Amino acid sequence: MAGDLPQAVLFACTMNAVRSPMAAAILRHLTGHRIRVDSAGVHAGEPDGFAIAVMKEIGIDISAHKPRRIADLDDTAYDLVVTLSPEAHHQALELTRTMAVDVEYWPTIDATVLLGQGRRDQILHSYRRVRDKLFEKIRERFALDGGPTV
């Protein structure tokens, strides 16, 4: 149940530009900031305009997000690390050598694969699919209802 929420969660992906910032923002939105939620990547990418746009569609603003690397995190005291790409999962497992943390792997497609190939509507559809699957998985995993907790 929602009362059993971890105190700190890190979402990790490859570039910290699409999947992990979306997931972190969704969990913050659903919990009303009751827990510490961060995101990071194996590499620091660039902010992604499509990710910002599809999150804005559901009332969540990630425009201030600045991608960062897992290796650059100041505080690594997390109860749970959720990895969204194989590369991030491998790096998160390395963290378990020096700290006690649960790691879960949620294979999540890379919405950026259509960049430079597809039409804008196809690209947005790909990003929305990632957003919606993350929203569903987060609600299920953390036993949260569909609306924000205020």
C-alpha atoms as a PDB file:
ATOM      1  CA  MET A   1       0.000   0.000   0.000  1.00  0.00           C
ATOM      2  CA  ALA A   2       0.984   3.650  -0.308  1.00  0.00           C
ATOM      3  CA  GLY A   3       1.861   3.640   3.398  1.00  0.00           C
ATOM      4  CA  ASP A   4       4.689   1.221   2.612  1.00  0.00           C
ATOM      5  CA  LEU A   5       6.467   3.633   0.284  1.00  0.00           C
ATOM      6  CA  PRO A   6      10.246   3.630   0.372  1.00  0.00           C
ATOM      7  CA  GLN A   7      11.808   6.818   1.732  1.00  0.00           C
ATOM      8  CA  ALA A   8      14.088   7.398  -1.270  1.00  0.00           C
ATOM      9  CA  VAL A   9      13.891   6.104  -4.857  1.00  0.00           C
ATOM     10  CA  LEU A  10      16.296   6.563  -7.738  1.00  0.00           C
ATOM     11  CA  PHE A  11      15.191   5.980 -11.321  1.00  0.00           C
ATOM     12  CA  ALA A  12      18.105   5.291 -13.669  1.00  0.00           C
ATOM     13  CA  CYS A  13      18.384   5.002 -17.442  1.00  0.00           C
ATOM     14  CA  THR A  14      21.068   5.527 -20.056  1.00  0.00           C
ATOM     15  CA  MET A  15      21.102   9.315 -20.664  1.00  0.00           C
ATOM     16  CA  ASN A  16      18.790  10.677 -17.910  1.00  0.00           C
ATOM     17  CA  ALA A  17      16.888  12.627 -20.533  1.00  0.00           C
ATOM     18  CA  VAL A  18      13.655  10.693 -21.181  1.00  0.00           C
ATOM     19  CA  ARG A  19      12.785   7.541 -19.199  1.00  0.00           C
ATOM     20  CA  SER A  20      14.218   8.242 -15.750  1.00  0.00           C
ATOM     21  CA  PRO A  21      13.160  11.910 -15.519  1.00  0.00           C
ATOM     22  CA  MET A  22       9.655  10.933 -16.663  1.00  0.00           C
ATOM     23  CA  ALA A  23       9.455   8.159 -14.058  1.00  0.00           C
ATOM     24  CA  ALA A  24      10.803  10.358 -11.253  1.00  0.00           C
ATOM     25  CA  ALA A  25       8.356  13.155 -12.073  1.00  0.00           C
ATOM     26  CA  ILE A  26       5.424  10.721 -12.202  1.00  0.00           C
ATOM     27  CA  LEU A  27       6.266   9.222  -8.802  1.00  0.00           C
ATOM     28  CA  ARG A  28       6.682  12.699  -7.282  1.00  0.00           C
ATOM     29  CA  HIS A  29       3.337  13.694  -8.786  1.00  0.00           C
ATOM     30  CA  LEU A  30       1.540  10.634  -7.436  1.00  0.00           C
ATOM     31  CA  THR A  31       3.042  10.811  -3.939  1.00  0.00           C
ATOM     32  CA  GLY A  32       2.784  14.545  -3.452  1.00  0.00           C
ATOM     33  CA  HIS A  33       6.520  14.705  -2.731  1.00  0.00           C
ATOM     34  CA  ARG A  34       6.165  12.489   0.387  1.00  0.00           C
ATOM     35  CA  ILE A  35       9.325  10.641  -0.569  1.00  0.00           C
ATOM     36  CA  ARG A  36      12.656  11.675  -2.068  1.00  0.00           C
ATOM     37  CA  VAL A  37      12.736  10.800  -5.747  1.00  0.00           C
ATOM     38  CA  ASP A  38      15.736  11.343  -8.018  1.00  0.00           C
ATOM     39  CA  SER A  39      16.817  10.333 -11.485  1.00  0.00           C
ATOM     40  CA  ALA A  40      20.197   9.820 -13.098  1.00  0.00           C
ATOM     41  CA  GLY A  41      21.774   8.122 -16.071  1.00  0.00           C
ATOM     42  CA  VAL A  42      24.874   6.197 -16.970  1.00  0.00           C
ATOM     43  CA  HIS A  43      25.714   9.217 -19.149  1.00  0.00           C
ATOM     44  CA  ALA A  44      24.362  12.762 -18.932  1.00  0.00           C
ATOM     45  CA  GLY A  45      22.405  13.537 -22.068  1.00  0.00           C
ATOM     46  CA  GLU A  46      20.666  16.741 -23.033  1.00  0.00           C
ATOM     47  CA  PRO A  47      17.154  17.808 -21.984  1.00  0.00           C
ATOM     48  CA  ASP A  48      14.645  16.264 -24.407  1.00  0.00           C
ATOM     49  CA  GLY A  49      11.922  18.489 -25.843  1.00  0.00           C
ATOM     50  CA  PHE A  50       9.647  15.588 -26.722  1.00  0.00           C
ATOM     51  CA  ALA A  51       9.812  14.251 -23.152  1.00  0.00           C
ATOM     52  CA  ILE A  52       9.019  17.711 -21.819  1.00  0.00           C
ATOM     53  CA  ALA A  53       6.076  18.029 -24.243  1.00  0.00           C
ATOM     54  CA  VAL A  54       4.412  14.682 -23.454  1.00  0.00           C
ATOM     55  CA  MET A  55       4.783  15.198 -19.716  1.00  0.00           C
ATOM     56  CA  LYS A  56       3.260  18.674 -20.026  1.00  0.00           C
ATOM     57  CA  GLU A  57       0.252  17.017 -21.723  1.00  0.00           C
ATOM     58  CA  ILE A  58      -0.565  15.325 -18.401  1.00  0.00           C
ATOM     59  CA  GLY A  59       0.178  18.378 -16.273  1.00  0.00           C
ATOM     60  CA  ILE A  60       3.703  17.478 -15.136  1.00  0.00           C
ATOM     61  CA  ASP A  61       6.507  19.955 -15.825  1.00  0.00           C
ATOM     62  CA  ILE A  62       9.986  18.484 -16.321  1.00  0.00           C
ATOM     63  CA  SER A  63      11.378  21.480 -18.226  1.00  0.00           C
ATOM     64  CA  ALA A  64      13.794  22.352 -15.392  1.00  0.00           C
ATOM     65  CA  HIS A  65      15.330  18.847 -15.389  1.00  0.00           C
ATOM     66  CA  LYS A  66      19.092  18.794 -15.903  1.00  0.00           C
ATOM     67  CA  PRO A  67      20.433  15.352 -16.900  1.00  0.00           C
ATOM     68  CA  ARG A  68      23.132  13.943 -14.627  1.00  0.00           C
ATOM     69  CA  ARG A  69      25.141  10.790 -14.226  1.00  0.00           C
ATOM     70  CA  ILE A  70      24.741   8.154 -11.534  1.00  0.00           C
ATOM     71  CA  ALA A  71      28.464   8.529 -10.833  1.00  0.00           C
ATOM     72  CA  ASP A  72      27.933  12.228 -10.024  1.00  0.00           C
ATOM     73  CA  LEU A  73      25.220  11.771  -7.386  1.00  0.00           C
ATOM     74  CA  ASP A  74      26.103  13.437  -4.083  1.00  0.00           C
ATOM     75  CA  ASP A  75      23.706  11.356  -2.008  1.00  0.00           C
ATOM     76  CA  THR A  76      23.346   7.680  -2.850  1.00  0.00           C
ATOM     77  CA  ALA A  77      21.246   6.732   0.173  1.00  0.00           C
ATOM     78  CA  TYR A  78      18.311   5.119  -1.625  1.00  0.00           C
ATOM     79  CA  ASP A  79      15.999   2.354  -0.495  1.00  0.00           C
ATOM     80  CA  LEU A  80      15.236   1.424  -4.090  1.00  0.00           C
ATOM     81  CA  VAL A  81      16.910   1.917  -7.448  1.00  0.00           C
ATOM     82  CA  VAL A  82      14.667   1.269 -10.446  1.00  0.00           C
ATOM     83  CA  THR A  83      16.619   0.780 -13.646  1.00  0.00           C
ATOM     84  CA  LEU A  84      14.980   1.329 -17.004  1.00  0.00           C
ATOM     85  CA  SER A  85      17.760   0.266 -19.388  1.00  0.00           C
ATOM     86  CA  PRO A  86      20.252  -2.627 -19.401  1.00  0.00           C
ATOM     87  CA  GLU A  87      23.235  -0.272 -19.118  1.00  0.00           C
ATOM     88  CA  ALA A  88      21.731   1.462 -16.079  1.00  0.00           C
ATOM     89  CA  HIS A  89      20.878  -1.879 -14.501  1.00  0.00           C
ATOM     90  CA  HIS A  90      24.473  -3.027 -14.774  1.00  0.00           C
ATOM     91  CA  GLN A  91      25.719   0.175 -13.135  1.00  0.00           C
ATOM     92  CA  ALA A  92      23.104  -0.023 -10.369  1.00  0.00           C
ATOM     93  CA  LEU A  93      24.189  -3.561  -9.549  1.00  0.00           C
ATOM     94  CA  GLU A  94      27.718  -2.193  -9.096  1.00  0.00           C
ATOM     95  CA  LEU A  95      26.291   0.167  -6.439  1.00  0.00           C
ATOM     96  CA  THR A  96      25.097  -2.834  -4.431  1.00  0.00           C
ATOM     97  CA  ARG A  97      28.721  -3.806  -3.817  1.00  0.00           C
ATOM     98  CA  THR A  98      29.161  -0.835  -1.486  1.00  0.00           C
ATOM     99  CA  MET A  99      25.644  -0.073  -0.252  1.00  0.00           C
ATOM    100  CA  ALA A 100      22.537  -1.937   0.803  1.00  0.00           C
ATOM    101  CA  VAL A 101      19.881  -1.043  -1.750  1.00  0.00           C
ATOM    102  CA  ASP A 102      17.154  -2.931  -3.574  1.00  0.00           C
ATOM    103  CA  VAL A 103      17.439  -2.822  -7.365  1.00  0.00           C
ATOM    104  CA  GLU A 104      14.550  -3.527  -9.727  1.00  0.00           C
ATOM    105  CA  TYR A 105      14.854  -3.734 -13.497  1.00  0.00           C
ATOM    106  CA  TRP A 106      11.881  -2.445 -15.497  1.00  0.00           C
ATOM    107  CA  PRO A 107      12.802  -2.954 -19.175  1.00  0.00           C
ATOM    108  CA  THR A 108      11.535   0.191 -20.895  1.00  0.00           C
ATOM    109  CA  ILE A 109      11.756   0.939 -24.599  1.00  0.00           C
ATOM    110  CA  ASP A 110      13.905   3.824 -25.757  1.00  0.00           C
ATOM    111  CA  ALA A 111      11.489   6.404 -27.192  1.00  0.00           C
ATOM    112  CA  THR A 112      14.324   8.195 -28.979  1.00  0.00           C
ATOM    113  CA  VAL A 113      14.819   5.452 -31.585  1.00  0.00           C
ATOM    114  CA  LEU A 114      12.520   7.269 -34.017  1.00  0.00           C
ATOM    115  CA  LEU A 115      14.349  10.589 -33.749  1.00  0.00           C
ATOM    116  CA  GLY A 116      15.492  11.625 -37.192  1.00  0.00           C
ATOM    117  CA  GLN A 117      13.459   8.846 -38.842  1.00  0.00           C
ATOM    118  CA  GLY A 118       9.798   9.290 -38.034  1.00  0.00           C
ATOM    119  CA  ARG A 119       7.254  12.044 -38.377  1.00  0.00           C
ATOM    120  CA  ARG A 120       6.599  14.278 -35.380  1.00  0.00           C
ATOM    121  CA  ASP A 121       3.299  12.519 -34.597  1.00  0.00           C
ATOM    122  CA  GLN A 122       5.027   9.097 -34.672  1.00  0.00           C
ATOM    123  CA  ILE A 123       7.778  10.330 -32.376  1.00  0.00           C
ATOM    124  CA  LEU A 124       5.274  11.832 -29.938  1.00  0.00           C
ATOM    125  CA  HIS A 125       3.290   8.582 -29.976  1.00  0.00           C
ATOM    126  CA  SER A 126       6.458   6.661 -29.033  1.00  0.00           C
ATOM    127  CA  TYR A 127       7.153   9.023 -26.131  1.00  0.00           C
ATOM    128  CA  ARG A 128       3.542   8.847 -24.950  1.00  0.00           C
ATOM    129  CA  ARG A 129       3.725   5.042 -24.914  1.00  0.00           C
ATOM    130  CA  VAL A 130       6.800   5.194 -22.669  1.00  0.00           C
ATOM    131  CA  ARG A 131       5.156   7.798 -20.410  1.00  0.00           C
ATOM    132  CA  ASP A 132       1.918   5.836 -20.108  1.00  0.00           C
ATOM    133  CA  LYS A 133       3.651   2.506 -19.429  1.00  0.00           C
ATOM    134  CA  LEU A 134       5.805   4.135 -16.743  1.00  0.00           C
ATOM    135  CA  PHE A 135       2.727   5.768 -15.188  1.00  0.00           C
ATOM    136  CA  GLU A 136       0.930   2.401 -15.083  1.00  0.00           C
ATOM    137  CA  LYS A 137       3.954   0.524 -13.689  1.00  0.00           C
ATOM    138  CA  ILE A 138       4.584   3.147 -10.992  1.00  0.00           C
ATOM    139  CA  ARG A 139       0.937   3.130  -9.879  1.00  0.00           C
ATOM    140  CA  GLU A 140       1.010  -0.667  -9.717  1.00  0.00           C
ATOM    141  CA  ARG A 141       4.415  -1.040  -8.019  1.00  0.00           C
ATOM    142  CA  PHE A 142       3.805   1.583  -5.335  1.00  0.00           C
ATOM    143  CA  ALA A 143       0.063   0.847  -4.916  1.00  0.00           C
ATOM    144  CA  LEU A 144      -0.929   4.416  -5.752  1.00  0.00           C
ATOM    145  CA  ASP A 145      -4.185   5.716  -7.156  1.00  0.00           C
ATOM    146  CA  GLY A 146      -4.359   7.499 -10.498  1.00  0.00           C
ATOM    147  CA  GLY A 147      -4.474  11.069  -9.228  1.00  0.00           C
ATOM    148  CA  PRO A 148      -1.965  13.280  -7.508  1.00  0.00           C
ATOM    149  CA  THR A 149      -1.840  13.257  -3.734  1.00  0.00           C
ATOM    150  CA  VAL A 150      -2.073  16.805  -2.472  1.00  0.00           C
END
